[in-house]
């Protein structure tokens, strides 16, 4: 079982996607993102969500991400945050987690 103190170490924040590009160097079809986390700045990430989302539909969408993992090299790209989503049973599709209403970027998930 996870202890509460362990959970408190995970820093999840709200950010707004400001740029989405294709990521052809990734092993599985993916997008690269720039996400605005307010006072934390703009961070980069990638996600394998192309089966459910078009690039143009993702711009200005708010998402939830873990912002305190170490950066991870994915092909030729350094991912700085982990975007959170629900893993569906069908072909590993991922549905993005997002706030139910617009909130300021950078707010902490409690």
N, C-alpha and C. Protein backbone atom coordinates (compact mmCIF):
# COMPACT_ATOMS: atom_id res chain seq x y z
N UNK A 1 0.84 -1.19 0.00
CA UNK A 1 0.00 0.00 0.00
C UNK A 1 0.88 1.25 0.00
N UNK A 2 0.45 2.23 -0.75
CA UNK A 2 1.12 3.51 -0.81
C UNK A 2 0.82 4.30 0.46
N UNK A 3 1.81 4.92 1.00
CA UNK A 3 1.60 5.75 2.19
C UNK A 3 1.27 7.18 1.76
N UNK A 4 0.52 7.89 2.59
CA UNK A 4 0.09 9.25 2.27
C UNK A 4 1.29 10.14 1.98
N UNK A 5 2.36 10.00 2.76
CA UNK A 5 3.56 10.83 2.54
C UNK A 5 4.14 10.59 1.15
N UNK A 6 4.03 9.36 0.64
CA UNK A 6 4.51 9.08 -0.71
C UNK A 6 3.65 9.81 -1.74
N UNK A 7 2.34 9.76 -1.57
CA UNK A 7 1.42 10.43 -2.49
C UNK A 7 1.67 11.93 -2.51
N UNK A 8 1.94 12.52 -1.34
CA UNK A 8 2.17 13.96 -1.26
C UNK A 8 3.40 14.40 -2.04
N UNK A 9 4.31 13.48 -2.35
CA UNK A 9 5.51 13.81 -3.11
C UNK A 9 5.21 14.02 -4.59
N UNK A 10 4.09 13.47 -5.07
CA UNK A 10 3.73 13.58 -6.48
C UNK A 10 3.09 14.95 -6.71
N UNK A 11 3.73 15.78 -7.53
CA UNK A 11 3.27 17.15 -7.78
C UNK A 11 2.49 17.17 -9.10
N UNK A 12 1.16 17.16 -9.01
CA UNK A 12 0.29 17.19 -10.19
C UNK A 12 -0.26 18.60 -10.34
N UNK A 13 -0.18 19.13 -11.56
CA UNK A 13 -0.61 20.50 -11.82
C UNK A 13 -1.47 20.57 -13.07
N UNK A 14 -2.22 21.67 -13.17
CA UNK A 14 -3.01 21.97 -14.36
C UNK A 14 -2.18 22.82 -15.30
N UNK A 15 -2.24 22.46 -16.57
CA UNK A 15 -1.57 23.25 -17.59
C UNK A 15 -2.41 23.32 -18.85
N UNK A 16 -2.13 24.29 -19.70
CA UNK A 16 -2.85 24.46 -20.96
C UNK A 16 -1.91 24.14 -22.12
N UNK A 17 -2.37 23.27 -23.01
CA UNK A 17 -1.59 22.91 -24.18
C UNK A 17 -1.54 24.12 -25.11
N UNK A 18 -0.32 24.55 -25.45
CA UNK A 18 -0.16 25.71 -26.33
C UNK A 18 0.42 25.34 -27.69
N UNK A 19 1.00 24.14 -27.81
CA UNK A 19 1.55 23.70 -29.09
C UNK A 19 1.50 22.18 -29.17
N UNK A 20 1.12 21.67 -30.33
CA UNK A 20 1.09 20.23 -30.59
C UNK A 20 1.73 19.98 -31.95
N UNK A 21 2.69 19.05 -31.98
CA UNK A 21 3.32 18.68 -33.25
C UNK A 21 3.41 17.15 -33.34
N UNK A 22 3.53 16.66 -34.56
CA UNK A 22 3.73 15.24 -34.76
C UNK A 22 5.09 14.83 -34.20
N UNK A 23 5.20 13.55 -33.84
CA UNK A 23 6.44 13.04 -33.26
C UNK A 23 6.84 11.77 -34.03
N UNK A 24 7.32 11.93 -35.26
CA UNK A 24 7.64 10.77 -36.10
C UNK A 24 8.78 9.90 -35.57
N UNK A 25 9.65 10.43 -34.72
CA UNK A 25 10.77 9.65 -34.20
C UNK A 25 10.36 8.69 -33.08
N UNK A 26 9.17 8.86 -32.53
CA UNK A 26 8.69 7.97 -31.45
C UNK A 26 8.42 6.58 -32.01
N UNK A 27 8.60 5.56 -31.17
CA UNK A 27 8.34 4.17 -31.59
C UNK A 27 6.87 3.95 -31.93
N UNK A 28 5.98 4.51 -31.10
CA UNK A 28 4.54 4.41 -31.35
C UNK A 28 4.03 5.79 -31.74
N UNK A 29 3.01 5.85 -32.58
CA UNK A 29 2.49 7.16 -33.02
C UNK A 29 2.16 8.07 -31.82
N UNK A 30 2.72 9.27 -31.83
CA UNK A 30 2.61 10.18 -30.70
C UNK A 30 2.61 11.62 -31.16
N UNK A 31 2.25 12.50 -30.22
CA UNK A 31 2.39 13.94 -30.40
C UNK A 31 3.42 14.46 -29.41
N UNK A 32 4.04 15.59 -29.76
CA UNK A 32 4.87 16.36 -28.83
C UNK A 32 4.06 17.59 -28.42
N UNK A 33 4.20 17.99 -27.16
CA UNK A 33 3.42 19.10 -26.61
C UNK A 33 4.32 20.14 -25.96
N UNK A 34 3.84 21.39 -25.98
CA UNK A 34 4.32 22.43 -25.09
C UNK A 34 3.11 22.82 -24.26
N UNK A 35 3.29 22.82 -22.95
CA UNK A 35 2.19 23.04 -22.02
C UNK A 35 2.55 24.18 -21.08
N UNK A 36 1.65 25.15 -20.94
CA UNK A 36 1.86 26.32 -20.07
C UNK A 36 1.36 25.99 -18.67
N UNK A 37 2.29 25.98 -17.70
CA UNK A 37 1.95 25.72 -16.31
C UNK A 37 2.04 26.99 -15.46
N UNK A 38 1.74 28.13 -16.04
CA UNK A 38 1.72 29.39 -15.29
C UNK A 38 3.09 29.72 -14.72
N UNK A 39 3.16 29.90 -13.40
CA UNK A 39 4.41 30.31 -12.76
C UNK A 39 5.51 29.25 -12.88
N UNK A 40 5.16 28.00 -13.21
CA UNK A 40 6.16 26.95 -13.39
C UNK A 40 6.78 26.99 -14.79
N UNK A 41 6.18 27.79 -15.68
CA UNK A 41 6.70 27.94 -17.03
C UNK A 41 6.09 26.97 -18.02
N UNK A 42 6.65 26.96 -19.22
CA UNK A 42 6.21 26.08 -20.30
C UNK A 42 7.07 24.83 -20.26
N UNK A 43 6.42 23.68 -20.25
CA UNK A 43 7.11 22.39 -20.18
C UNK A 43 6.77 21.56 -21.41
N UNK A 44 7.67 20.63 -21.75
CA UNK A 44 7.47 19.75 -22.91
C UNK A 44 7.05 18.36 -22.45
N UNK A 45 6.26 17.70 -23.29
CA UNK A 45 5.85 16.33 -23.02
C UNK A 45 5.49 15.66 -24.34
N UNK A 46 5.24 14.38 -24.28
CA UNK A 46 4.72 13.65 -25.43
C UNK A 46 3.68 12.66 -24.93
N UNK A 47 2.80 12.25 -25.84
CA UNK A 47 1.75 11.30 -25.46
C UNK A 47 1.29 10.54 -26.69
N UNK A 48 0.93 9.29 -26.47
CA UNK A 48 0.42 8.41 -27.52
C UNK A 48 -1.11 8.50 -27.54
N UNK A 49 -1.62 9.62 -28.04
CA UNK A 49 -3.07 9.84 -28.01
C UNK A 49 -3.65 10.16 -29.38
N UNK A 50 -2.91 9.84 -30.44
CA UNK A 50 -3.35 10.27 -31.77
C UNK A 50 -4.62 9.57 -32.25
N UNK A 51 -4.95 8.40 -31.68
CA UNK A 51 -6.16 7.70 -32.14
C UNK A 51 -7.44 8.38 -31.67
N UNK A 52 -7.37 9.15 -30.58
CA UNK A 52 -8.57 9.80 -30.05
C UNK A 52 -8.60 11.31 -30.23
N UNK A 53 -7.44 11.93 -30.51
CA UNK A 53 -7.37 13.39 -30.54
C UNK A 53 -6.67 13.89 -31.79
N UNK A 54 -7.21 14.94 -32.39
CA UNK A 54 -6.56 15.64 -33.48
C UNK A 54 -5.76 16.79 -32.89
N UNK A 55 -4.66 17.12 -33.52
CA UNK A 55 -3.79 18.19 -33.01
C UNK A 55 -4.56 19.48 -32.76
N UNK A 56 -5.37 19.89 -33.73
CA UNK A 56 -6.08 21.17 -33.62
C UNK A 56 -7.10 21.18 -32.48
N UNK A 57 -7.59 20.01 -32.08
CA UNK A 57 -8.55 19.93 -30.98
C UNK A 57 -7.87 20.00 -29.61
N UNK A 58 -6.56 19.85 -29.59
CA UNK A 58 -5.83 19.84 -28.32
C UNK A 58 -5.34 21.22 -27.90
N UNK A 59 -5.19 22.14 -28.85
CA UNK A 59 -4.71 23.49 -28.53
C UNK A 59 -5.70 24.15 -27.58
N UNK A 60 -5.18 24.76 -26.53
CA UNK A 60 -5.93 25.45 -25.47
C UNK A 60 -6.72 24.53 -24.55
N UNK A 61 -6.50 23.22 -24.65
CA UNK A 61 -7.15 22.27 -23.74
C UNK A 61 -6.32 22.19 -22.47
N UNK A 62 -6.98 22.22 -21.34
CA UNK A 62 -6.26 22.06 -20.08
C UNK A 62 -6.11 20.57 -19.78
N UNK A 63 -4.96 20.21 -19.21
CA UNK A 63 -4.65 18.84 -18.85
C UNK A 63 -4.05 18.81 -17.45
N UNK A 64 -3.98 17.62 -16.90
CA UNK A 64 -3.34 17.39 -15.61
C UNK A 64 -2.03 16.65 -15.90
N UNK A 65 -0.94 17.08 -15.26
CA UNK A 65 0.35 16.43 -15.48
C UNK A 65 1.14 16.37 -14.18
N UNK A 66 1.98 15.34 -14.08
CA UNK A 66 2.96 15.26 -13.00
C UNK A 66 4.16 16.08 -13.44
N UNK A 67 4.54 17.06 -12.61
CA UNK A 67 5.59 18.00 -13.01
C UNK A 67 6.91 17.78 -12.27
N UNK A 68 6.98 16.79 -11.38
CA UNK A 68 8.22 16.63 -10.61
C UNK A 68 8.90 15.28 -10.82
N UNK A 69 8.62 14.62 -11.96
CA UNK A 69 9.43 13.46 -12.35
C UNK A 69 10.69 13.99 -13.03
N UNK A 70 11.76 13.21 -13.01
CA UNK A 70 12.95 13.64 -13.76
C UNK A 70 12.64 13.63 -15.26
N UNK A 71 13.29 14.48 -16.04
CA UNK A 71 13.09 14.45 -17.50
C UNK A 71 13.39 13.07 -18.06
N UNK A 72 12.66 12.71 -19.13
CA UNK A 72 12.83 11.39 -19.74
C UNK A 72 13.09 11.55 -21.24
N UNK A 73 14.16 10.91 -21.70
CA UNK A 73 14.50 10.93 -23.12
C UNK A 73 13.59 9.97 -23.87
N UNK A 74 12.88 10.48 -24.87
CA UNK A 74 12.03 9.67 -25.73
C UNK A 74 12.47 9.96 -27.15
N UNK A 75 13.16 8.98 -27.75
CA UNK A 75 13.76 9.18 -29.07
C UNK A 75 14.67 10.41 -29.02
N UNK A 76 14.41 11.40 -29.87
CA UNK A 76 15.25 12.61 -29.91
C UNK A 76 14.66 13.77 -29.12
N UNK A 77 13.78 13.47 -28.17
CA UNK A 77 12.99 14.49 -27.46
C UNK A 77 13.11 14.28 -25.96
N UNK A 78 13.23 15.37 -25.20
CA UNK A 78 13.30 15.28 -23.74
C UNK A 78 11.95 15.70 -23.16
N UNK A 79 11.23 14.73 -22.60
CA UNK A 79 9.94 14.99 -21.97
C UNK A 79 10.16 15.46 -20.54
N UNK A 80 9.50 16.57 -20.16
CA UNK A 80 9.71 17.15 -18.83
C UNK A 80 8.58 16.87 -17.85
N UNK A 81 7.40 16.54 -18.36
CA UNK A 81 6.25 16.26 -17.49
C UNK A 81 5.50 15.05 -18.03
N UNK A 82 4.71 14.42 -17.17
CA UNK A 82 3.90 13.27 -17.56
C UNK A 82 2.43 13.68 -17.59
N UNK A 83 1.86 13.73 -18.77
CA UNK A 83 0.43 14.04 -18.92
C UNK A 83 -0.36 12.83 -18.44
N UNK A 84 -1.39 13.06 -17.63
CA UNK A 84 -2.18 11.96 -17.08
C UNK A 84 -3.42 11.69 -17.91
N UNK A 85 -3.77 10.42 -17.99
CA UNK A 85 -4.95 10.02 -18.74
C UNK A 85 -5.48 8.69 -18.25
N UNK A 86 -6.63 8.33 -18.75
CA UNK A 86 -7.28 7.07 -18.43
C UNK A 86 -6.93 6.08 -19.54
N UNK A 87 -6.35 4.96 -19.17
CA UNK A 87 -5.98 3.93 -20.15
C UNK A 87 -7.21 3.06 -20.43
N UNK A 88 -7.69 3.17 -21.65
CA UNK A 88 -8.86 2.40 -22.06
C UNK A 88 -8.43 0.98 -22.45
N UNK A 89 -9.35 0.04 -22.36
CA UNK A 89 -9.04 -1.35 -22.71
C UNK A 89 -8.82 -1.53 -24.21
N UNK A 90 -9.50 -0.73 -25.03
CA UNK A 90 -9.41 -0.86 -26.47
C UNK A 90 -8.07 -0.34 -26.99
N UNK A 91 -7.19 -1.24 -27.41
CA UNK A 91 -5.94 -0.89 -28.07
C UNK A 91 -5.07 0.09 -27.30
N UNK A 92 -5.20 0.17 -25.99
CA UNK A 92 -4.38 1.07 -25.22
C UNK A 92 -4.66 2.54 -25.43
N UNK A 93 -5.86 2.88 -25.89
CA UNK A 93 -6.21 4.30 -26.07
C UNK A 93 -6.20 5.02 -24.73
N UNK A 94 -5.83 6.30 -24.78
CA UNK A 94 -5.75 7.11 -23.56
C UNK A 94 -6.68 8.31 -23.68
N UNK A 95 -7.53 8.50 -22.65
CA UNK A 95 -8.40 9.66 -22.56
C UNK A 95 -7.77 10.62 -21.55
N UNK A 96 -7.51 11.85 -21.97
CA UNK A 96 -6.83 12.82 -21.11
C UNK A 96 -7.66 13.22 -19.90
N UNK A 97 -6.97 13.38 -18.76
CA UNK A 97 -7.62 13.95 -17.57
C UNK A 97 -7.57 15.46 -17.69
N UNK A 98 -8.66 16.10 -17.29
CA UNK A 98 -8.70 17.56 -17.34
C UNK A 98 -9.67 18.07 -16.28
N UNK A 99 -9.50 19.32 -15.85
CA UNK A 99 -10.46 19.89 -14.89
C UNK A 99 -11.83 20.02 -15.54
N UNK A 100 -12.88 19.97 -14.76
CA UNK A 100 -14.24 20.06 -15.33
C UNK A 100 -14.61 21.49 -15.70
N UNK A 101 -13.78 22.45 -15.31
CA UNK A 101 -13.95 23.85 -15.74
C UNK A 101 -12.59 24.49 -15.82
N UNK A 102 -12.50 25.59 -16.54
CA UNK A 102 -11.22 26.31 -16.71
C UNK A 102 -10.74 26.84 -15.36
N UNK A 103 -9.46 26.60 -15.10
CA UNK A 103 -8.82 27.08 -13.86
C UNK A 103 -7.48 27.69 -14.25
N UNK A 104 -6.87 28.48 -13.35
CA UNK A 104 -5.57 29.07 -13.66
C UNK A 104 -4.49 27.99 -13.84
N UNK A 105 -3.63 28.19 -14.83
CA UNK A 105 -2.51 27.27 -15.06
C UNK A 105 -1.60 27.22 -13.84
N UNK A 106 -1.09 26.02 -13.55
CA UNK A 106 -0.14 25.85 -12.47
C UNK A 106 -0.75 25.45 -11.15
N UNK A 107 -2.10 25.49 -11.06
CA UNK A 107 -2.70 25.10 -9.78
C UNK A 107 -2.42 23.64 -9.49
N UNK A 108 -2.23 23.34 -8.21
CA UNK A 108 -1.88 22.00 -7.74
C UNK A 108 -3.15 21.15 -7.60
N UNK A 109 -3.02 19.88 -7.96
CA UNK A 109 -4.10 18.92 -7.77
C UNK A 109 -4.01 18.41 -6.34
N UNK A 110 -5.14 18.46 -5.65
CA UNK A 110 -5.16 18.03 -4.24
C UNK A 110 -5.97 16.78 -4.08
